[in-house]
Protein backbone atom coordinates (compact mmCIF):
# COMPACT_ATOMS: atom_id res chain seq x y z
CA MET A 1 58.99 95.79 -46.78
CA LYS A 2 59.14 94.80 -50.95
CA ILE A 3 57.51 91.41 -50.60
CA PHE A 4 54.59 93.39 -48.98
CA ALA A 5 54.10 95.88 -51.26
CA PHE A 6 54.43 93.20 -54.43
CA THR A 7 51.70 91.18 -52.76
CA ARG A 8 49.31 94.21 -52.46
CA ALA A 9 49.83 95.54 -55.43
CA ILE A 10 48.75 92.39 -57.14
CA ARG A 11 45.70 92.47 -54.58
CA SER A 12 44.93 95.83 -55.77
CA GLY A 13 45.39 95.82 -59.13
CA ALA A 14 43.24 91.96 -59.13
CA THR A 15 40.18 94.65 -56.82
CA HIS A 16 40.43 97.92 -59.00
CA PHE A 17 39.78 95.44 -62.26
CA TRP A 18 37.02 93.73 -60.74
CA ARG A 19 35.48 96.91 -59.10
CA ASN A 20 36.11 98.60 -62.38
CA ILE A 21 34.77 96.02 -64.70
CA TRP A 22 33.37 97.94 -67.72
CA LEU A 23 36.13 99.77 -68.11
CA SER A 24 38.65 96.76 -67.50
CA LEU A 25 36.02 95.26 -70.02
CA ALA A 26 36.48 98.10 -72.53
CA ALA A 27 40.78 97.92 -72.17
CA THR A 28 40.60 94.52 -72.47
CA GLY A 29 38.21 94.63 -75.42
CA VAL A 30 40.17 97.42 -76.89
CA MET A 31 43.73 95.38 -76.36
CA VAL A 32 41.35 92.11 -78.29
CA LEU A 33 40.75 94.02 -80.89
CA THR A 34 44.49 95.21 -81.19
CA LEU A 35 46.33 92.02 -80.39
CA ALA A 36 43.60 90.11 -82.77
CA MET A 37 44.96 92.12 -85.98
CA LEU A 38 48.55 92.17 -84.90
CA SER A 39 48.34 88.50 -85.16
CA LEU A 40 46.35 88.32 -87.98
CA LEU A 41 49.54 91.09 -89.50
CA LEU A 42 51.87 88.50 -88.74
CA ILE A 43 49.89 85.46 -90.20
CA VAL A 44 49.69 88.00 -93.52
CA SER A 45 52.77 88.64 -93.44
CA ILE A 46 53.81 85.24 -92.60
CA LEU A 47 52.38 83.88 -95.92
CA GLY A 48 53.47 86.57 -97.97
CA GLN A 49 56.81 85.81 -96.96
CA ASN A 50 55.54 82.06 -98.32
CA ILE A 51 54.18 83.32 -101.84
CA LEU A 52 57.58 85.26 -102.26
CA LYS A 53 58.99 82.32 -101.25
CA GLY A 54 57.41 80.34 -103.84
CA ILE A 55 57.59 82.87 -106.26
CA GLU A 56 61.21 83.46 -106.15
CA SER A 57 61.89 79.37 -106.53
CA LYS A 58 60.65 80.32 -110.26
CA VAL A 59 62.74 82.83 -110.88
CA ASP A 60 66.17 82.00 -112.63
CA ILE A 61 69.08 82.49 -115.31
CA THR A 62 70.15 81.16 -117.63
CA VAL A 63 73.99 81.23 -118.71
CA PHE A 64 74.21 79.72 -122.70
CA MET A 65 77.87 78.61 -123.24
CA ALA A 66 79.50 79.17 -126.73
CA ASP A 67 78.69 76.04 -128.88
CA ASP A 68 82.77 75.51 -128.91
CA ALA A 69 82.99 75.46 -125.25
CA ALA A 70 84.65 71.93 -123.63
CA GLU A 71 82.51 70.66 -120.78
CA THR A 72 85.05 70.64 -118.29
CA ALA A 73 85.54 74.22 -118.81
CA ILE A 74 81.69 74.18 -118.58
CA LEU A 75 82.01 72.37 -115.81
CA ALA A 76 84.33 75.28 -114.20
CA VAL A 77 82.35 77.86 -114.97
CA LYS A 78 79.61 75.53 -112.94
CA ALA A 79 82.27 75.37 -109.92
CA ASP A 80 82.64 79.37 -109.80
CA ILE A 81 79.01 80.23 -109.91
CA GLU A 82 78.57 77.72 -107.19
CA GLY A 83 80.87 79.90 -105.31
CA PHE A 84 79.19 83.46 -105.32
CA LYS A 85 77.60 84.53 -102.70
CA ASP A 86 73.69 83.95 -102.21
CA VAL A 87 73.44 81.45 -105.14
CA SER A 88 71.48 78.56 -104.06
CA ASN A 89 72.01 76.12 -106.84
CA VAL A 90 73.07 75.32 -110.14
CA VAL A 91 71.91 72.87 -112.53
CA TYR A 92 74.28 71.80 -116.05
CA VAL A 93 72.41 71.19 -118.60
CA SER A 94 74.36 69.47 -121.71
CA LYS A 95 72.95 69.95 -125.52
CA ASP A 96 71.99 66.11 -125.46
CA GLN A 97 69.87 67.15 -122.47
CA ALA A 98 69.01 70.42 -124.16
CA LEU A 99 67.76 68.72 -126.90
CA SER A 100 65.99 65.87 -125.10
CA ALA A 101 63.83 68.27 -123.40
CA PHE A 102 62.95 70.31 -126.57
CA ARG A 103 61.86 67.17 -128.14
CA ASP A 104 59.90 66.36 -125.47
CA LYS A 105 58.10 69.54 -124.79
CA HIS A 106 57.13 69.60 -128.66
CA LYS A 107 56.45 66.41 -129.35
CA GLU A 108 53.12 66.40 -131.26
CA ASN A 109 54.12 69.53 -133.47
CA SER A 110 55.84 67.18 -136.62
CA MET A 111 57.04 70.53 -138.23
CA ILE A 112 59.28 70.78 -135.67
CA ALA A 113 60.75 66.92 -135.11
CA GLN A 114 60.76 67.00 -139.12
CA ALA A 115 63.45 70.40 -139.40
CA LEU A 116 65.42 68.59 -136.72
CA THR A 117 65.94 66.07 -138.39
CA GLU A 118 66.53 67.81 -141.52
CA LEU A 119 69.18 70.04 -140.00
CA GLY A 120 71.04 66.84 -138.86
CA SER A 121 72.68 68.24 -136.26
CA ASN A 122 72.28 69.46 -132.30
CA PRO A 123 71.30 73.46 -133.14
CA LEU A 124 70.74 74.08 -128.79
CA GLN A 125 73.33 74.96 -126.62
CA ALA A 126 74.45 73.42 -123.13
CA ALA A 127 73.55 76.23 -120.52
CA LEU A 128 73.87 76.71 -116.85
CA VAL A 129 70.54 77.48 -114.98
CA VAL A 130 71.49 79.36 -112.07
CA ARG A 131 68.71 79.85 -108.85
CA ALA A 132 70.13 82.45 -105.86
CA ASP A 133 68.82 82.77 -102.60
CA ASN A 134 67.07 86.04 -103.19
CA THR A 135 66.10 88.44 -106.12
CA ASP A 136 68.66 91.04 -105.25
CA ALA A 137 71.65 88.15 -106.19
CA TYR A 138 71.04 87.92 -109.65
CA ASN A 139 72.03 91.51 -110.64
CA ASN A 140 75.51 90.35 -108.82
CA ILE A 141 75.98 87.28 -110.74
CA ASN A 142 75.11 88.87 -114.06
CA GLU A 143 78.15 91.14 -113.33
CA ALA A 144 80.16 89.21 -112.34
CA LEU A 145 79.12 86.85 -115.34
CA LYS A 146 80.62 89.39 -117.58
CA SER A 147 84.10 89.20 -116.44
CA PRO A 148 86.63 89.08 -119.16
CA LYS A 149 87.50 85.24 -118.19
CA TYR A 150 84.20 84.11 -119.48
CA GLU A 151 84.03 86.35 -122.24
CA ARG A 152 84.88 83.08 -124.61
CA LEU A 153 82.60 80.76 -123.11
CA ILE A 154 80.02 82.65 -122.89
CA ALA A 155 77.19 83.22 -125.63
CA ARG A 156 74.62 84.70 -123.85
CA VAL A 157 73.11 85.16 -120.33
CA THR A 158 69.10 85.64 -119.47
CA TYR A 159 69.57 88.00 -117.23
CA ASP A 160 68.36 90.97 -119.54
CA ASP A 161 65.43 89.13 -120.22
CA ASN A 162 63.81 88.35 -116.78
CA SER A 163 65.79 91.47 -115.31
CA GLU A 164 62.20 93.25 -114.77
CA ILE A 165 60.52 90.42 -113.02
CA ILE A 166 63.58 90.43 -111.14
CA THR A 167 63.63 94.08 -110.10
CA ARG A 168 59.85 94.21 -109.65
CA LEU A 169 59.75 91.11 -107.13
CA SER A 170 62.46 92.61 -105.06
CA ALA A 171 60.87 95.69 -104.62
CA VAL A 172 57.43 93.71 -103.74
CA VAL A 173 59.92 91.92 -101.36
CA LYS A 174 60.63 95.15 -99.82
CA THR A 175 57.70 96.87 -100.31
CA SER A 176 55.85 94.34 -98.20
CA ARG A 177 58.31 94.04 -94.95
CA LYS A 178 58.27 98.18 -94.46
CA VAL A 179 54.81 98.32 -95.00
CA GLY A 180 53.90 95.49 -92.45
CA LEU A 181 56.40 97.25 -90.06
CA ALA A 182 54.76 100.68 -89.52
CA ILE A 183 51.46 99.24 -89.72
CA THR A 184 52.37 97.11 -86.35
CA PHE A 185 53.84 100.02 -85.09
CA ALA A 186 50.61 102.25 -86.00
CA LEU A 187 48.95 99.48 -84.22
CA ALA A 188 50.28 99.62 -81.06
CA VAL A 189 50.31 102.97 -80.73
CA ILE A 190 46.65 102.86 -80.46
CA ALA A 191 46.60 100.26 -78.23
CA VAL A 192 49.30 102.02 -76.19
CA LEU A 193 46.98 105.54 -76.02
CA VAL A 194 43.53 104.09 -76.09
CA THR A 195 44.71 101.53 -73.08
CA PHE A 196 45.82 104.87 -71.52
CA ASN A 197 42.91 106.87 -71.76
CA THR A 198 40.59 104.09 -70.03
CA ILE A 199 43.44 102.78 -67.38
CA ARG A 200 43.22 107.08 -66.93
CA LEU A 201 39.31 107.07 -66.31
CA ALA A 202 39.87 104.25 -63.61
CA ILE A 203 42.90 106.17 -61.72
CA TYR A 204 39.94 109.43 -61.39
CA GLY A 205 38.40 106.74 -59.73
CA TYR A 206 40.62 106.77 -56.71
CA HIS A 207 41.84 110.04 -56.98
CA ARG A 208 41.05 110.62 -52.96
CA GLU A 209 42.89 107.38 -51.86
CA ILE A 210 46.09 108.29 -54.43
CA GLU A 211 46.02 111.97 -52.79
CA ILE A 212 45.55 110.23 -49.23
CA MET A 213 49.37 107.72 -50.05
CA THR A 214 50.81 111.35 -51.45
CA LEU A 215 50.36 113.09 -48.45
CA VAL A 216 51.70 110.46 -46.44
CA GLY A 217 55.02 109.93 -48.18
CA ALA A 218 54.03 106.64 -49.83
CA SER A 219 56.84 105.85 -52.76
CA PRO A 220 55.21 106.64 -56.38
CA TRP A 221 56.05 103.03 -57.15
CA PHE A 222 54.16 102.29 -53.80
CA ILE A 223 50.90 103.81 -55.80
CA LYS A 224 51.52 102.99 -59.48
CA GLY A 225 51.55 99.45 -58.53
CA PRO A 226 48.12 98.97 -58.63
CA PHE A 227 47.24 100.33 -61.51
CA VAL A 228 50.61 98.36 -63.66
CA ILE A 229 49.06 95.51 -62.37
CA GLU A 230 45.36 96.05 -63.81
CA GLY A 231 47.01 96.82 -67.11
CA ILE A 232 48.59 93.50 -66.99
CA ILE A 233 46.00 91.86 -66.06
CA ALA A 234 44.18 93.59 -68.93
CA GLY A 235 46.47 92.90 -71.61
CA GLY A 236 46.62 89.15 -70.43
CA VAL A 237 43.22 88.64 -70.29
CA ALA A 238 43.21 89.76 -73.69
CA SER A 239 45.94 87.82 -74.89
CA ILE A 240 44.04 84.73 -73.63
CA PHE A 241 40.83 86.03 -75.64
CA THR A 242 43.36 86.75 -78.77
CA LEU A 243 45.11 83.23 -78.57
CA ALA A 244 40.87 81.45 -78.02
CA PHE A 245 39.95 82.87 -81.23
CA LEU A 246 43.02 82.81 -83.41
CA TYR A 247 43.70 79.27 -83.78
CA PRO A 248 39.89 78.10 -84.16
CA PHE A 249 40.31 80.68 -86.83
CA LEU A 250 43.10 79.78 -88.66
CA ARG A 251 41.97 75.75 -89.12
CA VAL A 252 38.77 77.28 -90.78
CA VAL A 253 40.43 79.16 -93.47
CA SER A 254 44.20 77.29 -93.42
CA PRO A 255 42.46 74.68 -96.65
CA GLN A 256 41.13 77.89 -98.02
CA VAL A 257 44.64 79.72 -97.65
CA GLY A 258 46.57 76.91 -98.73
CA ALA A 259 44.83 77.13 -102.45
CA PHE A 260 47.26 79.85 -102.96
CA PHE A 261 50.33 77.91 -103.01
CA VAL A 262 50.74 74.43 -105.22
CA ASP A 263 49.74 71.22 -104.01
CA ASN A 264 48.62 73.40 -100.75
CA GLN A 265 52.26 72.67 -99.71
CA PHE A 266 52.23 75.22 -96.99
CA SER A 267 49.77 75.33 -94.01
CA ILE A 268 49.49 78.47 -92.09
CA TYR A 269 47.37 76.42 -89.15
CA ASN A 270 50.34 74.01 -89.09
CA TRP A 271 52.86 76.56 -89.24
CA ALA A 272 50.88 78.54 -86.37
CA MET A 273 50.55 74.90 -83.92
CA GLY A 274 54.42 74.34 -84.87
CA ASN A 275 55.45 77.89 -83.67
CA PHE A 276 53.07 78.04 -80.67
CA VAL A 277 55.33 78.68 -78.02
CA LEU A 278 56.48 81.74 -80.10
CA ILE A 279 53.38 83.25 -80.96
CA ILE A 280 52.24 82.31 -76.92
CA ALA A 281 55.37 84.25 -76.21
CA LEU A 282 54.52 86.69 -78.88
CA VAL A 283 50.86 87.93 -78.36
CA GLY A 284 50.98 87.00 -74.37
CA GLY A 285 54.14 89.38 -74.28
CA THR A 286 52.73 92.52 -76.47
CA GLY A 287 49.68 92.50 -74.14
CA VAL A 288 51.47 92.37 -70.89
CA LEU A 289 53.74 94.68 -72.31
CA LEU A 290 50.92 96.86 -73.92
CA GLY A 291 48.67 96.69 -70.47
CA ALA A 292 51.77 97.82 -68.29
CA ILE A 293 53.33 100.71 -70.33
CA SER A 294 49.83 102.49 -70.62
CA SER A 295 49.02 101.82 -66.95
CA ILE A 296 52.84 103.23 -66.16
CA ILE A 297 52.38 106.64 -68.42
CA ALA A 298 48.30 107.02 -67.39
CA VAL A 299 49.51 107.39 -63.77
CA GLN A 300 52.53 109.16 -64.23
CA ARG A 301 51.16 111.63 -65.95
CA TYR A 302 48.42 111.91 -63.03
CA LEU A 303 51.23 111.76 -60.72
CA ARG A 304 52.84 115.20 -62.71
CA ALA A 305 49.48 117.02 -62.56
CA GLN A 306 48.79 117.05 -58.83
């Protein structure tokens, strides 16, 4: 009996979709637009995350060591920092390395070269360049380095110099995530409402059939089944059209988008191809889910009104 009801729901749902082809295409079209916007929002989110990661990778703090700090003590501090939470990398720059880099940077400036020669000694300090996994970690690292344990070894930390850009970058990351979630939720609500109204119009075309089934004692799901299947079909067709549009679009715009990244090291089209199964599941699942939910709500409200 359950198998019969299920096959009947599929057959009737497909029939409803075809008989109300213009209403069905209207619902499908709205869902295509919604899924396309959701897909583009996902792509923009991925691009934003990678752009921010690129910026974050350029942000660091430099810990300048005291002139009289022994190399063994500096390496001990380096080991301590590497053990801090969210620290990804710590690079030790000795006084000689700092001087060599400074000379290379200003090799065309004869006055600087002459000044260094006249000094006769290395005026630069050894340093530890610290990079963290996220911008929020830098404040914690800076606070940890204020411990009395490091007071005699550390001359200066550049966190205060970079704190404003670190704070702003952290705020941008958090805000972009919140805005992305809010837009996604709003679009999903719009898709449900529009599809709901479209399915409800289709239901009115079958009001006599529904009344007869109600009078003879048909179960609610026996009545709802065809309309739920109709919504699922609309969502599935919308998902197919969306994916058919999405990948050619990404292939065309990927070279232009890559210009925002250093040496074009990130390709949104390659990312989409590498996550093909994930995108199909996300777009297809969202389309089917929106169609099913819209249909269930529409039929439920119609039956309650009877």
